[in-house]
Amino acid sequence: MADVSAIFGILLLLAMVFPGLRLTVWRIFPDRVSQAEAILRAARGRAFGVGLGSLAVDLHLSLVLLSAAAGVGQFLGGMLIAAGLRLASIGAAGLALLMGRQLSLVAGGGLGAAAQSNTDAAAAPSSSTATGVAGPVARHNTSPCRLISITTIDSSSGIASA
């Protein structure tokens, strides 16, 4: 029973860490990830084939180098594995970015629409009150993907609106 719990715990931790790794790679290498996303958008099959081929070559060369005697060969094998993991992480982050953007388009804008409506509400012309003080104008987004709610308080009446 302890073995099953340990395996479940490891899988749960991996499920939490993997998206964080993709986000971190996207934040550290935004140009490379955007470039990978553009390549995936243009030719998914070719990108998959090139990735699979580079994985086979990298795996074979690194195993040959790691089985060599201690020294430069093992060091080069480790560096080759690190380079392969870096390329795989950038490719996976590009794939995650592509999937996120496509889901955003399917969902009617997703987070992009919520962020745009927030900036539209902030940039909207203000209503003037009896004292001449400008108050914020509340705007509502009827999109089902709305994630946050803006609550504004009219300066003349003190009434909050969502």
Protein backbone atom coordinates (compact mmCIF):
# COMPACT_ATOMS: atom_id res chain seq x y z
CA MET A 1 0.00 0.00 0.00
CA ALA A 2 2.88 2.35 0.72
CA ASP A 3 4.23 1.75 -2.78
CA VAL A 4 0.96 2.83 -4.36
CA SER A 5 0.87 5.97 -2.21
CA ALA A 6 4.46 6.80 -3.11
CA ILE A 7 3.80 6.41 -6.83
CA PHE A 8 0.61 8.48 -6.58
CA GLY A 9 2.50 11.19 -4.67
CA ILE A 10 5.28 11.29 -7.24
CA LEU A 11 2.78 11.56 -10.09
CA LEU A 12 0.93 14.31 -8.25
CA LEU A 13 4.15 16.27 -7.70
CA LEU A 14 5.12 15.88 -11.36
CA ALA A 15 1.68 17.11 -12.39
CA MET A 16 2.25 20.24 -10.32
CA VAL A 17 5.85 20.86 -11.36
CA PHE A 18 5.49 20.35 -15.12
CA PRO A 19 3.28 23.44 -15.80
CA GLY A 20 5.54 25.51 -13.58
CA LEU A 21 8.55 24.44 -15.61
CA ARG A 22 6.80 25.44 -18.84
CA LEU A 23 5.90 28.84 -17.38
CA THR A 24 9.45 29.38 -16.12
CA VAL A 25 10.97 28.48 -19.49
CA TRP A 26 8.50 30.83 -21.21
CA ARG A 27 9.45 33.68 -18.85
CA ILE A 28 13.22 33.11 -19.16
CA PHE A 29 13.30 32.54 -22.94
CA PRO A 30 10.26 34.39 -24.37
CA ASP A 31 11.74 34.88 -27.85
CA ARG A 32 12.78 31.23 -28.22
CA VAL A 33 9.40 29.98 -26.99
CA SER A 34 7.54 32.31 -29.37
CA GLN A 35 9.78 31.10 -32.19
CA ALA A 36 9.04 27.47 -31.27
CA GLU A 37 5.33 28.28 -31.22
CA ALA A 38 5.55 29.83 -34.70
CA ILE A 39 7.37 26.76 -36.01
CA LEU A 40 4.76 24.46 -34.47
CA ARG A 41 1.94 26.54 -35.91
CA ALA A 42 3.48 26.42 -39.40
CA ALA A 43 4.45 22.74 -39.61
CA ARG A 44 3.44 20.52 -36.71
CA GLY A 45 4.34 17.24 -38.39
CA ARG A 46 7.78 18.40 -39.47
CA ALA A 47 8.51 19.82 -36.02
CA PHE A 48 7.49 16.52 -34.43
CA GLY A 49 9.72 14.58 -36.82
CA VAL A 50 12.72 16.83 -36.21
CA GLY A 51 12.18 16.58 -32.44
CA LEU A 52 11.91 12.81 -32.57
CA GLY A 53 15.03 12.55 -34.74
CA SER A 54 17.06 14.84 -32.48
CA LEU A 55 15.89 12.84 -29.46
CA ALA A 56 17.13 9.60 -31.03
CA VAL A 57 20.51 11.09 -31.99
CA ASP A 58 20.93 12.83 -28.63
CA LEU A 59 20.01 9.70 -26.68
CA HIS A 60 22.32 7.49 -28.69
CA LEU A 61 25.32 9.85 -28.51
CA SER A 62 24.85 10.57 -24.83
CA LEU A 63 24.66 6.84 -23.99
CA VAL A 64 27.85 6.20 -25.96
CA LEU A 65 29.63 9.09 -24.25
CA LEU A 66 28.38 8.18 -20.77
CA SER A 67 29.56 4.60 -21.13
CA ALA A 68 33.10 5.80 -21.82
CA ALA A 69 35.74 5.92 -19.12
CA ALA A 70 35.52 8.68 -16.53
CA GLY A 71 36.71 11.98 -17.88
CA VAL A 72 35.91 14.19 -20.83
CA GLY A 73 33.55 11.68 -22.50
CA GLN A 74 31.20 11.51 -19.53
CA PHE A 75 31.29 15.27 -19.14
CA LEU A 76 30.36 15.74 -22.82
CA GLY A 77 27.60 13.14 -22.45
CA GLY A 78 26.14 15.04 -19.51
CA MET A 79 26.34 18.33 -21.39
CA LEU A 80 24.64 16.71 -24.39
CA ILE A 81 21.81 15.50 -22.16
CA ALA A 82 21.46 18.99 -20.65
CA ALA A 83 21.32 20.57 -24.12
CA GLY A 84 18.70 18.06 -25.24
CA LEU A 85 16.57 18.74 -22.18
CA ARG A 86 16.85 22.48 -22.80
CA LEU A 87 15.64 22.08 -26.38
CA ALA A 88 12.84 19.76 -25.28
CA SER A 89 11.73 22.24 -22.59
CA ILE A 90 11.63 25.12 -25.06
CA GLY A 91 9.67 23.01 -27.53
CA ALA A 92 7.21 21.89 -24.87
CA ALA A 93 6.76 25.49 -23.69
CA GLY A 94 6.12 26.53 -27.30
CA LEU A 95 3.54 23.76 -27.63
CA ALA A 96 1.88 24.86 -24.37
CA LEU A 97 1.81 28.47 -25.61
CA LEU A 98 0.26 27.39 -28.91
CA MET A 99 -2.36 25.30 -27.13
CA GLY A 100 -3.14 28.16 -24.74
CA ARG A 101 -3.61 30.65 -27.56
CA GLN A 102 -5.80 28.26 -29.52
CA LEU A 103 -7.94 27.57 -26.44
CA SER A 104 -8.21 31.31 -25.89
CA LEU A 105 -9.51 31.76 -29.43
CA VAL A 106 -12.02 28.94 -29.05
CA ALA A 107 -13.29 30.27 -25.73
CA GLY A 108 -14.00 33.73 -27.15
CA GLY A 109 -10.91 35.50 -25.97
CA GLY A 110 -10.35 33.89 -22.59
CA LEU A 111 -7.93 35.80 -20.41
CA GLY A 112 -7.09 38.18 -23.24
CA ALA A 113 -10.71 39.37 -23.41
CA ALA A 114 -10.89 39.88 -19.65
CA ALA A 115 -7.67 41.88 -19.65
CA GLN A 116 -8.88 43.93 -22.64
CA SER A 117 -12.23 44.71 -21.00
CA ASN A 118 -10.40 45.80 -17.84
CA THR A 119 -8.26 48.25 -19.81
CA ASP A 120 -11.35 49.43 -21.70
CA ALA A 121 -13.14 50.07 -18.41
CA ALA A 122 -10.18 52.00 -17.07
CA ALA A 123 -9.89 54.07 -20.24
CA ALA A 124 -13.65 54.75 -20.54
CA PRO A 125 -14.82 58.35 -20.25
CA SER A 126 -15.84 59.26 -16.73
CA SER A 127 -19.30 60.45 -15.77
CA SER A 128 -19.40 63.85 -14.20
CA THR A 129 -21.25 64.38 -10.94
CA ALA A 130 -22.98 67.40 -9.48
CA THR A 131 -19.76 68.60 -7.87
CA GLY A 132 -17.78 68.19 -11.09
CA VAL A 133 -15.74 65.27 -9.74
CA ALA A 134 -15.29 62.57 -12.35
CA GLY A 135 -16.41 59.12 -11.27
CA PRO A 136 -15.57 55.76 -12.87
CA VAL A 137 -17.94 54.13 -15.30
CA ALA A 138 -18.65 50.45 -14.66
CA ARG A 139 -18.71 48.24 -17.74
CA HIS A 140 -19.78 44.64 -17.77
CA ASN A 141 -18.42 41.85 -19.93
CA THR A 142 -21.00 39.20 -20.76
CA SER A 143 -18.38 36.68 -21.91
CA PRO A 144 -18.64 33.29 -20.17
CA CYS A 145 -14.85 33.34 -19.77
CA ARG A 146 -14.88 36.37 -17.49
CA LEU A 147 -12.58 35.47 -14.59
CA ILE A 148 -12.44 38.65 -12.54
CA SER A 149 -15.03 41.18 -11.54
CA ILE A 150 -14.45 44.89 -11.34
CA THR A 151 -16.15 46.68 -8.49
CA THR A 152 -16.33 50.46 -8.78
CA ILE A 153 -17.68 53.00 -6.36
CA ASP A 154 -19.38 56.10 -7.70
CA SER A 155 -17.86 59.09 -5.97
CA SER A 156 -21.11 61.05 -5.77
CA SER A 157 -23.42 58.43 -4.30
CA GLY A 158 -20.94 56.04 -2.64
CA ILE A 159 -22.80 53.07 -4.14
CA ALA A 160 -20.69 50.11 -5.22
CA SER A 161 -21.38 48.42 -8.52
CA ALA A 162 -19.89 45.21 -9.84
